C-alpha atoms as a PDB file:
ATOM      1  CA  UNK A   1      11.389 -36.979 -48.912  1.00  0.00           C
ATOM      2  CA  UNK A   2      10.844 -33.591 -46.894  1.00  0.00           C
ATOM      3  CA  UNK A   3      10.721 -30.829 -49.093  1.00  0.00           C
ATOM      4  CA  UNK A   4       8.721 -27.540 -48.614  1.00  0.00           C
ATOM      5  CA  UNK A   5       8.429 -25.165 -51.509  1.00  0.00           C
ATOM      6  CA  UNK A   6       7.843 -21.466 -50.715  1.00  0.00           C
ATOM      7  CA  UNK A   7       6.130 -19.404 -53.168  1.00  0.00           C
ATOM      8  CA  UNK A   8       4.260 -15.797 -53.279  1.00  0.00           C
ATOM      9  CA  UNK A   9       1.232 -14.033 -54.296  1.00  0.00           C
ATOM     10  CA  UNK A  10       3.805 -11.905 -56.206  1.00  0.00           C
ATOM     11  CA  UNK A  11       7.108 -10.196 -55.827  1.00  0.00           C
ATOM     12  CA  UNK A  12       8.109  -8.211 -52.677  1.00  0.00           C
ATOM     13  CA  UNK A  13       5.515 -10.008 -50.406  1.00  0.00           C
ATOM     14  CA  UNK A  14       8.291 -11.309 -47.974  1.00  0.00           C
ATOM     15  CA  UNK A  15       9.080 -14.580 -49.141  1.00  0.00           C
ATOM     16  CA  UNK A  16      12.683 -14.589 -48.136  1.00  0.00           C
ATOM     17  CA  UNK A  17      11.989 -13.539 -44.511  1.00  0.00           C
ATOM     18  CA  UNK A  18       9.300 -15.976 -44.341  1.00  0.00           C
ATOM     19  CA  UNK A  19      11.373 -18.637 -45.534  1.00  0.00           C
ATOM     20  CA  UNK A  20      14.127 -17.547 -42.813  1.00  0.00           C
ATOM     21  CA  UNK A  21      11.207 -17.612 -40.136  1.00  0.00           C
ATOM     22  CA  UNK A  22      10.223 -21.159 -41.240  1.00  0.00           C
ATOM     23  CA  UNK A  23      13.885 -22.338 -41.170  1.00  0.00           C
ATOM     24  CA  UNK A  24      13.995 -20.821 -37.641  1.00  0.00           C
ATOM     25  CA  UNK A  25      11.055 -22.872 -36.443  1.00  0.00           C
ATOM     26  CA  UNK A  26      12.321 -26.192 -38.035  1.00  0.00           C
ATOM     27  CA  UNK A  27      15.751 -25.721 -36.336  1.00  0.00           C
ATOM     28  CA  UNK A  28      14.118 -24.913 -32.985  1.00  0.00           C
ATOM     29  CA  UNK A  29      12.393 -28.296 -33.281  1.00  0.00           C
ATOM     30  CA  UNK A  30      15.784 -30.068 -33.951  1.00  0.00           C
ATOM     31  CA  UNK A  31      15.549 -30.525 -37.593  1.00  0.00           C
ATOM     32  CA  UNK A  32      18.494 -29.866 -39.906  1.00  0.00           C
ATOM     33  CA  UNK A  33      17.382 -27.427 -42.570  1.00  0.00           C
ATOM     34  CA  UNK A  34      18.742 -26.853 -46.154  1.00  0.00           C
ATOM     35  CA  UNK A  35      17.682 -23.821 -48.184  1.00  0.00           C
ATOM     36  CA  UNK A  36      17.557 -23.850 -52.008  1.00  0.00           C
ATOM     37  CA  UNK A  37      16.988 -20.612 -54.113  1.00  0.00           C
ATOM     38  CA  UNK A  38      17.195 -22.150 -57.618  1.00  0.00           C
ATOM     39  CA  UNK A  39      17.462 -18.854 -59.446  1.00  0.00           C
ATOM     40  CA  UNK A  40      18.623 -15.353 -57.845  1.00  0.00           C
ATOM     41  CA  UNK A  41      18.215 -12.568 -60.160  1.00  0.00           C
ATOM     42  CA  UNK A  42      19.746  -8.911 -59.636  1.00  0.00           C
ATOM     43  CA  UNK A  43      22.991 -10.121 -58.289  1.00  0.00           C
ATOM     44  CA  UNK A  44      25.675 -10.662 -60.553  1.00  0.00           C
ATOM     45  CA  UNK A  45      27.790 -13.057 -58.494  1.00  0.00           C
ATOM     46  CA  UNK A  46      28.329 -16.703 -59.612  1.00  0.00           C
ATOM     47  CA  UNK A  47      28.530 -20.043 -57.852  1.00  0.00           C
ATOM     48  CA  UNK A  48      26.603 -21.834 -54.884  1.00  0.00           C
ATOM     49  CA  UNK A  49      25.325 -20.423 -51.525  1.00  0.00           C
ATOM     50  CA  UNK A  50      25.575 -17.283 -49.677  1.00  0.00           C
ATOM     51  CA  UNK A  51      28.318 -14.652 -49.561  1.00  0.00           C
ATOM     52  CA  UNK A  52      27.529 -12.759 -52.779  1.00  0.00           C
ATOM     53  CA  UNK A  53      24.460 -10.830 -51.957  1.00  0.00           C
ATOM     54  CA  UNK A  54      20.832 -11.676 -52.285  1.00  0.00           C
ATOM     55  CA  UNK A  55      18.185 -13.884 -50.553  1.00  0.00           C
ATOM     56  CA  UNK A  56      20.404 -16.802 -49.380  1.00  0.00           C
ATOM     57  CA  UNK A  57      22.637 -14.007 -47.520  1.00  0.00           C
ATOM     58  CA  UNK A  58      19.558 -13.025 -45.880  1.00  0.00           C
ATOM     59  CA  UNK A  59      18.624 -16.299 -44.691  1.00  0.00           C
ATOM     60  CA  UNK A  60      22.170 -16.898 -43.409  1.00  0.00           C
ATOM     61  CA  UNK A  61      22.443 -13.670 -41.752  1.00  0.00           C
ATOM     62  CA  UNK A  62      18.807 -14.130 -39.782  1.00  0.00           C
ATOM     63  CA  UNK A  63      19.023 -17.881 -39.028  1.00  0.00           C
ATOM     64  CA  UNK A  64      22.878 -19.103 -39.132  1.00  0.00           C
ATOM     65  CA  UNK A  65      21.757 -21.679 -41.590  1.00  0.00           C
ATOM     66  CA  UNK A  66      24.865 -22.518 -43.579  1.00  0.00           C
ATOM     67  CA  UNK A  67      23.583 -25.356 -46.033  1.00  0.00           C
ATOM     68  CA  UNK A  68      22.623 -23.098 -48.788  1.00  0.00           C
ATOM     69  CA  UNK A  69      22.254 -23.689 -52.337  1.00  0.00           C
ATOM     70  CA  UNK A  70      21.878 -21.478 -55.417  1.00  0.00           C
ATOM     71  CA  UNK A  71      22.063 -22.894 -58.830  1.00  0.00           C
ATOM     72  CA  UNK A  72      22.045 -19.692 -61.095  1.00  0.00           C
ATOM     73  CA  UNK A  73      22.615 -16.044 -60.765  1.00  0.00           C
ATOM     74  CA  UNK A  74      21.564 -13.512 -63.264  1.00  0.00           C
ATOM     75  CA  UNK A  75      22.436  -9.770 -63.113  1.00  0.00           C
ATOM     76  CA  UNK A  76      19.086  -8.132 -63.869  1.00  0.00           C
ATOM     77  CA  UNK A  77      16.253  -8.068 -61.324  1.00  0.00           C
ATOM     78  CA  UNK A  78      13.513  -9.734 -63.427  1.00  0.00           C
ATOM     79  CA  UNK A  79      12.125 -13.101 -63.831  1.00  0.00           C
ATOM     80  CA  UNK A  80      15.002 -15.687 -64.107  1.00  0.00           C
ATOM     81  CA  UNK A  81      14.279 -16.912 -67.624  1.00  0.00           C
ATOM     82  CA  UNK A  82      13.927 -13.499 -68.916  1.00  0.00           C
ATOM     83  CA  UNK A  83      17.114 -12.291 -66.929  1.00  0.00           C
ATOM     84  CA  UNK A  84      19.109 -15.386 -68.431  1.00  0.00           C
ATOM     85  CA  UNK A  85      17.988 -14.518 -72.106  1.00  0.00           C
ATOM     86  CA  UNK A  86      18.971 -10.987 -71.714  1.00  0.00           C
ATOM     87  CA  UNK A  87      22.366 -11.718 -70.203  1.00  0.00           C
ATOM     88  CA  UNK A  88      23.107 -14.291 -72.789  1.00  0.00           C
ATOM     89  CA  UNK A  89      23.427 -16.911 -70.170  1.00  0.00           C
ATOM     90  CA  UNK A  90      22.128 -20.510 -69.914  1.00  0.00           C
ATOM     91  CA  UNK A  91      18.773 -21.043 -68.321  1.00  0.00           C
ATOM     92  CA  UNK A  92      18.165 -23.531 -65.641  1.00  0.00           C
ATOM     93  CA  UNK A  93      17.298 -27.085 -67.026  1.00  0.00           C
ATOM     94  CA  UNK A  94      14.408 -28.754 -65.067  1.00  0.00           C
ATOM     95  CA  UNK A  95      16.006 -32.302 -64.822  1.00  0.00           C
ATOM     96  CA  UNK A  96      19.082 -30.769 -63.450  1.00  0.00           C
ATOM     97  CA  UNK A  97      17.348 -28.862 -60.640  1.00  0.00           C
ATOM     98  CA  UNK A  98      15.183 -31.762 -59.819  1.00  0.00           C
ATOM     99  CA  UNK A  99      18.315 -33.962 -59.449  1.00  0.00           C
ATOM    100  CA  UNK A 100      20.270 -31.353 -57.341  1.00  0.00           C
ATOM    101  CA  UNK A 101      17.353 -30.795 -54.800  1.00  0.00           C
ATOM    102  CA  UNK A 102      16.781 -34.346 -54.616  1.00  0.00           C
ATOM    103  CA  UNK A 103      20.305 -34.939 -53.842  1.00  0.00           C
ATOM    104  CA  UNK A 104      20.197 -32.604 -50.925  1.00  0.00           C
ATOM    105  CA  UNK A 105      17.376 -34.663 -49.017  1.00  0.00           C
ATOM    106  CA  UNK A 106      18.057 -36.989 -46.335  1.00  0.00           C
ATOM    107  CA  UNK A 107      17.031 -38.166 -42.863  1.00  0.00           C
ATOM    108  CA  UNK A 108      15.996 -35.648 -40.246  1.00  0.00           C
ATOM    109  CA  UNK A 109      16.194 -32.565 -42.562  1.00  0.00           C
ATOM    110  CA  UNK A 110      13.774 -30.371 -44.539  1.00  0.00           C
ATOM    111  CA  UNK A 111      14.673 -28.665 -47.756  1.00  0.00           C
ATOM    112  CA  UNK A 112      12.988 -25.400 -48.289  1.00  0.00           C
ATOM    113  CA  UNK A 113      12.785 -24.455 -52.061  1.00  0.00           C
ATOM    114  CA  UNK A 114      12.139 -20.687 -52.410  1.00  0.00           C
ATOM    115  CA  UNK A 115      10.741 -19.752 -55.666  1.00  0.00           C
ATOM    116  CA  UNK A 116      11.015 -16.282 -57.429  1.00  0.00           C
ATOM    117  CA  UNK A 117       8.243 -13.657 -57.519  1.00  0.00           C
ATOM    118  CA  UNK A 118       4.911 -15.335 -57.944  1.00  0.00           C
ATOM    119  CA  UNK A 119       3.877 -18.866 -58.420  1.00  0.00           C
ATOM    120  CA  UNK A 120       3.874 -18.903 -62.224  1.00  0.00           C
ATOM    121  CA  UNK A 121       7.295 -17.100 -62.893  1.00  0.00           C
ATOM    122  CA  UNK A 122       9.348 -19.044 -65.177  1.00  0.00           C
ATOM    123  CA  UNK A 123      12.573 -20.243 -63.564  1.00  0.00           C
ATOM    124  CA  UNK A 124      14.033 -21.900 -66.597  1.00  0.00           C
ATOM    125  CA  UNK A 125      13.695 -23.584 -70.093  1.00  0.00           C
ATOM    126  CA  UNK A 126      14.686 -27.160 -71.298  1.00  0.00           C
ATOM    127  CA  UNK A 127      15.276 -26.186 -75.008  1.00  0.00           C
ATOM    128  CA  UNK A 128      16.380 -23.549 -77.310  1.00  0.00           C
ATOM    129  CA  UNK A 129      14.554 -20.416 -77.989  1.00  0.00           C
ATOM    130  CA  UNK A 130      13.041 -20.727 -74.527  1.00  0.00           C
ATOM    131  CA  UNK A 131      11.333 -24.097 -75.379  1.00  0.00           C
ATOM    132  CA  UNK A 132      10.037 -26.089 -72.494  1.00  0.00           C
ATOM    133  CA  UNK A 133       9.675 -23.150 -70.098  1.00  0.00           C
ATOM    134  CA  UNK A 134       9.003 -24.144 -66.629  1.00  0.00           C
ATOM    135  CA  UNK A 135       8.405 -22.799 -63.099  1.00  0.00           C
ATOM    136  CA  UNK A 136       7.627 -23.883 -59.655  1.00  0.00           C
ATOM    137  CA  UNK A 137       4.640 -25.949 -60.551  1.00  0.00           C
ATOM    138  CA  UNK A 138       6.622 -28.122 -62.991  1.00  0.00           C
ATOM    139  CA  UNK A 139       9.468 -28.444 -60.567  1.00  0.00           C
ATOM    140  CA  UNK A 140       7.167 -29.566 -57.633  1.00  0.00           C
ATOM    141  CA  UNK A 141       5.493 -32.031 -59.938  1.00  0.00           C
ATOM    142  CA  UNK A 142       8.912 -33.816 -60.063  1.00  0.00           C
ATOM    143  CA  UNK A 143       9.395 -33.839 -56.336  1.00  0.00           C
ATOM    144  CA  UNK A 144       7.019 -36.238 -54.959  1.00  0.00           C
ATOM    145  CA  UNK A 145       5.667 -35.674 -51.600  1.00  0.00           C
ATOM    146  CA  UNK A 146       6.614 -32.002 -51.632  1.00  0.00           C
ATOM    147  CA  UNK A 147       4.356 -29.403 -49.943  1.00  0.00           C
ATOM    148  CA  UNK A 148       3.775 -25.888 -50.684  1.00  0.00           C
ATOM    149  CA  UNK A 149       3.332 -22.671 -48.626  1.00  0.00           C
ATOM    150  CA  UNK A 150       2.120 -19.608 -50.046  1.00  0.00           C
ATOM    151  CA  UNK A 151       3.439 -16.294 -48.747  1.00  0.00           C
ATOM    152  CA  UNK A 152       0.980 -13.710 -49.215  1.00  0.00           C
ATOM    153  CA  UNK A 153       0.593  -9.834 -48.808  1.00  0.00           C
ATOM    154  CA  UNK A 154      -2.214  -8.766 -46.171  1.00  0.00           C
ATOM    155  CA  UNK A 155      -3.509  -5.398 -47.405  1.00  0.00           C
ATOM    156  CA  UNK A 156      -5.903  -4.265 -50.050  1.00  0.00           C
ATOM    157  CA  UNK A 157      -6.235  -6.602 -53.008  1.00  0.00           C
ATOM    158  CA  UNK A 158      -4.734  -9.600 -50.885  1.00  0.00           C
ATOM    159  CA  UNK A 159      -7.741 -11.801 -50.919  1.00  0.00           C
ATOM    160  CA  UNK A 160      -7.851 -11.986 -54.598  1.00  0.00           C
ATOM    161  CA  UNK A 161      -4.281 -12.876 -55.226  1.00  0.00           C
ATOM    162  CA  UNK A 162      -4.228 -15.197 -52.635  1.00  0.00           C
ATOM    163  CA  UNK A 163      -7.356 -17.078 -53.679  1.00  0.00           C
ATOM    164  CA  UNK A 164      -5.969 -17.199 -57.360  1.00  0.00           C
ATOM    165  CA  UNK A 165      -2.625 -18.462 -56.320  1.00  0.00           C
ATOM    166  CA  UNK A 166      -3.818 -21.233 -54.131  1.00  0.00           C
ATOM    167  CA  UNK A 167      -6.575 -22.207 -56.730  1.00  0.00           C
ATOM    168  CA  UNK A 168      -3.904 -22.512 -59.575  1.00  0.00           C
ATOM    169  CA  UNK A 169      -1.261 -24.205 -57.330  1.00  0.00           C
ATOM    170  CA  UNK A 170      -3.861 -26.855 -56.573  1.00  0.00           C
ATOM    171  CA  UNK A 171      -5.082 -27.229 -60.161  1.00  0.00           C
ATOM    172  CA  UNK A 172      -1.353 -27.752 -61.064  1.00  0.00           C
ATOM    173  CA  UNK A 173      -1.292 -30.747 -58.635  1.00  0.00           C
ATOM    174  CA  UNK A 174       0.510 -28.862 -55.641  1.00  0.00           C
ATOM    175  CA  UNK A 175      -0.261 -29.658 -51.947  1.00  0.00           C
ATOM    176  CA  UNK A 176      -0.628 -26.305 -50.430  1.00  0.00           C
ATOM    177  CA  UNK A 177      -0.445 -26.628 -46.779  1.00  0.00           C
ATOM    178  CA  UNK A 178      -1.250 -23.147 -45.685  1.00  0.00           C
ATOM    179  CA  UNK A 179      -0.545 -19.439 -46.094  1.00  0.00           C
ATOM    180  CA  UNK A 180       1.949 -17.001 -44.426  1.00  0.00           C
ATOM    181  CA  UNK A 181       1.592 -13.340 -44.071  1.00  0.00           C
ATOM    182  CA  UNK A 182       4.655 -11.896 -45.409  1.00  0.00           C
ATOM    183  CA  UNK A 183       4.703  -8.528 -43.716  1.00  0.00           C
ATOM    184  CA  UNK A 184       2.171  -7.901 -41.044  1.00  0.00           C
ATOM    185  CA  UNK A 185       1.971  -4.101 -40.062  1.00  0.00           C
ATOM    186  CA  UNK A 186       1.961  -2.777 -36.663  1.00  0.00           C
ATOM    187  CA  UNK A 187      -1.200  -1.297 -35.128  1.00  0.00           C
ATOM    188  CA  UNK A 188      -4.670  -2.096 -36.007  1.00  0.00           C
ATOM    189  CA  UNK A 189      -5.838  -2.000 -39.665  1.00  0.00           C
ATOM    190  CA  UNK A 190      -9.419  -3.032 -40.467  1.00  0.00           C
ATOM    191  CA  UNK A 191      -8.467  -4.236 -43.884  1.00  0.00           C
ATOM    192  CA  UNK A 192      -5.537  -6.542 -42.653  1.00  0.00           C
ATOM    193  CA  UNK A 193      -7.701  -7.662 -39.792  1.00  0.00           C
ATOM    194  CA  UNK A 194     -10.674  -8.447 -42.055  1.00  0.00           C
ATOM    195  CA  UNK A 195      -8.529 -10.245 -44.708  1.00  0.00           C
ATOM    196  CA  UNK A 196      -6.793 -12.428 -41.940  1.00  0.00           C
ATOM    197  CA  UNK A 197     -10.619 -13.789 -41.147  1.00  0.00           C
ATOM    198  CA  UNK A 198     -11.370 -14.206 -44.721  1.00  0.00           C
ATOM    199  CA  UNK A 199      -8.168 -15.875 -46.154  1.00  0.00           C
ATOM    200  CA  UNK A 200      -8.778 -19.378 -44.704  1.00  0.00           C
ATOM    201  CA  UNK A 201     -12.412 -19.815 -46.001  1.00  0.00           C
ATOM    202  CA  UNK A 202     -11.887 -18.190 -49.383  1.00  0.00           C
ATOM    203  CA  UNK A 203      -8.476 -20.063 -50.010  1.00  0.00           C
ATOM    204  CA  UNK A 204      -9.363 -23.334 -48.218  1.00  0.00           C
ATOM    205  CA  UNK A 205      -6.214 -23.270 -46.324  1.00  0.00           C
ATOM    206  CA  UNK A 206      -5.152 -21.903 -43.051  1.00  0.00           C
ATOM    207  CA  UNK A 207      -2.872 -18.885 -42.099  1.00  0.00           C
ATOM    208  CA  UNK A 208      -0.073 -20.649 -40.475  1.00  0.00           C
ATOM    209  CA  UNK A 209       1.300 -17.214 -39.354  1.00  0.00           C
ATOM    210  CA  UNK A 210       2.332 -13.839 -40.066  1.00  0.00           C
ATOM    211  CA  UNK A 211       5.831 -12.294 -40.030  1.00  0.00           C
ATOM    212  CA  UNK A 212       5.638  -8.750 -38.576  1.00  0.00           C
ATOM    213  CA  UNK A 213       6.754  -5.996 -41.038  1.00  0.00           C
ATOM    214  CA  UNK A 214      10.428  -5.002 -40.454  1.00  0.00           C
ATOM    215  CA  UNK A 215      11.554  -8.485 -39.219  1.00  0.00           C
ATOM    216  CA  UNK A 216      14.456  -8.762 -41.645  1.00  0.00           C
ATOM    217  CA  UNK A 217      16.129  -5.899 -39.879  1.00  0.00           C
ATOM    218  CA  UNK A 218      16.352  -7.859 -36.571  1.00  0.00           C
ATOM    219  CA  UNK A 219      19.570  -9.299 -35.435  1.00  0.00           C
ATOM    220  CA  UNK A 220      19.951 -13.063 -35.469  1.00  0.00           C
ATOM    221  CA  UNK A 221      19.146 -13.881 -31.908  1.00  0.00           C
ATOM    222  CA  UNK A 222      16.185 -11.604 -31.855  1.00  0.00           C
ATOM    223  CA  UNK A 223      15.061 -12.777 -34.946  1.00  0.00           C
ATOM    224  CA  UNK A 224      15.238 -16.522 -33.989  1.00  0.00           C
ATOM    225  CA  UNK A 225      13.751 -15.898 -30.551  1.00  0.00           C
ATOM    226  CA  UNK A 226      10.724 -14.279 -32.023  1.00  0.00           C
ATOM    227  CA  UNK A 227      10.182 -16.553 -35.111  1.00  0.00           C
ATOM    228  CA  UNK A 228       8.144 -19.267 -33.343  1.00  0.00           C
ATOM    229  CA  UNK A 229       5.778 -16.811 -31.971  1.00  0.00           C
ATOM    230  CA  UNK A 230       4.954 -15.617 -35.294  1.00  0.00           C
ATOM    231  CA  UNK A 231       3.095 -18.888 -36.138  1.00  0.00           C
ATOM    232  CA  UNK A 232       0.087 -20.384 -34.639  1.00  0.00           C
ATOM    233  CA  UNK A 233       0.376 -23.771 -32.783  1.00  0.00           C
ATOM    234  CA  UNK A 234      -1.220 -25.512 -35.692  1.00  0.00           C
ATOM    235  CA  UNK A 235       0.800 -23.537 -38.019  1.00  0.00           C
ATOM    236  CA  UNK A 236       4.136 -24.803 -36.308  1.00  0.00           C
ATOM    237  CA  UNK A 237       2.745 -28.379 -36.346  1.00  0.00           C
ATOM    238  CA  UNK A 238       2.054 -28.263 -40.063  1.00  0.00           C
ATOM    239  CA  UNK A 239       5.548 -26.993 -40.725  1.00  0.00           C
ATOM    240  CA  UNK A 240       7.370 -29.496 -38.793  1.00  0.00           C
ATOM    241  CA  UNK A 241       5.203 -32.210 -39.861  1.00  0.00           C
END
């Protein structure tokens, strides 16, 4: 089973564009890529896949990946479980999500699973009244062999949230293979430069690469041509396996 879960140190740190960049690297190495966004919030469309707005559409636009799967959409832009409750909609059930992701796995392919917001955001619940709330750590626990990448901010305060996220992920049994800087600003920023130096020894995992700020606005050909260069050689090797 080749499953790579992508989480973040918080919301709006660049998870989706990083997911697209990782997909681009994997495809460049000849692998088949499947992208899963279990819960999308802030878009009222229903059904699976892209074409209704949201993160999966961004991945499709930037990479051309068409094997896309979204299991639930909730109208308000907030944590999926809270959005489901406010909309009077059924929350995602862990066993169902595990079964659907597992069914997507196969030879010579990688299933990318993008979480929502930060690591501990609740994605669903397995009982009435929000009983059995679960998030990405609980999902990964049911996906043996799954690895995790943490997308982090790079500016002031990033060291703290990155270290906390990796520490909690490991404590929950997740295999974190590295960090990705989600939005690398242009120019010389001493805070960013210092953070990039400090992140590996503070978190205990390497920075696999950094996605430049504004990369989500690139056209597909330009995005795919540049994506491999955003990762170190060892970072690309860690992603490809």
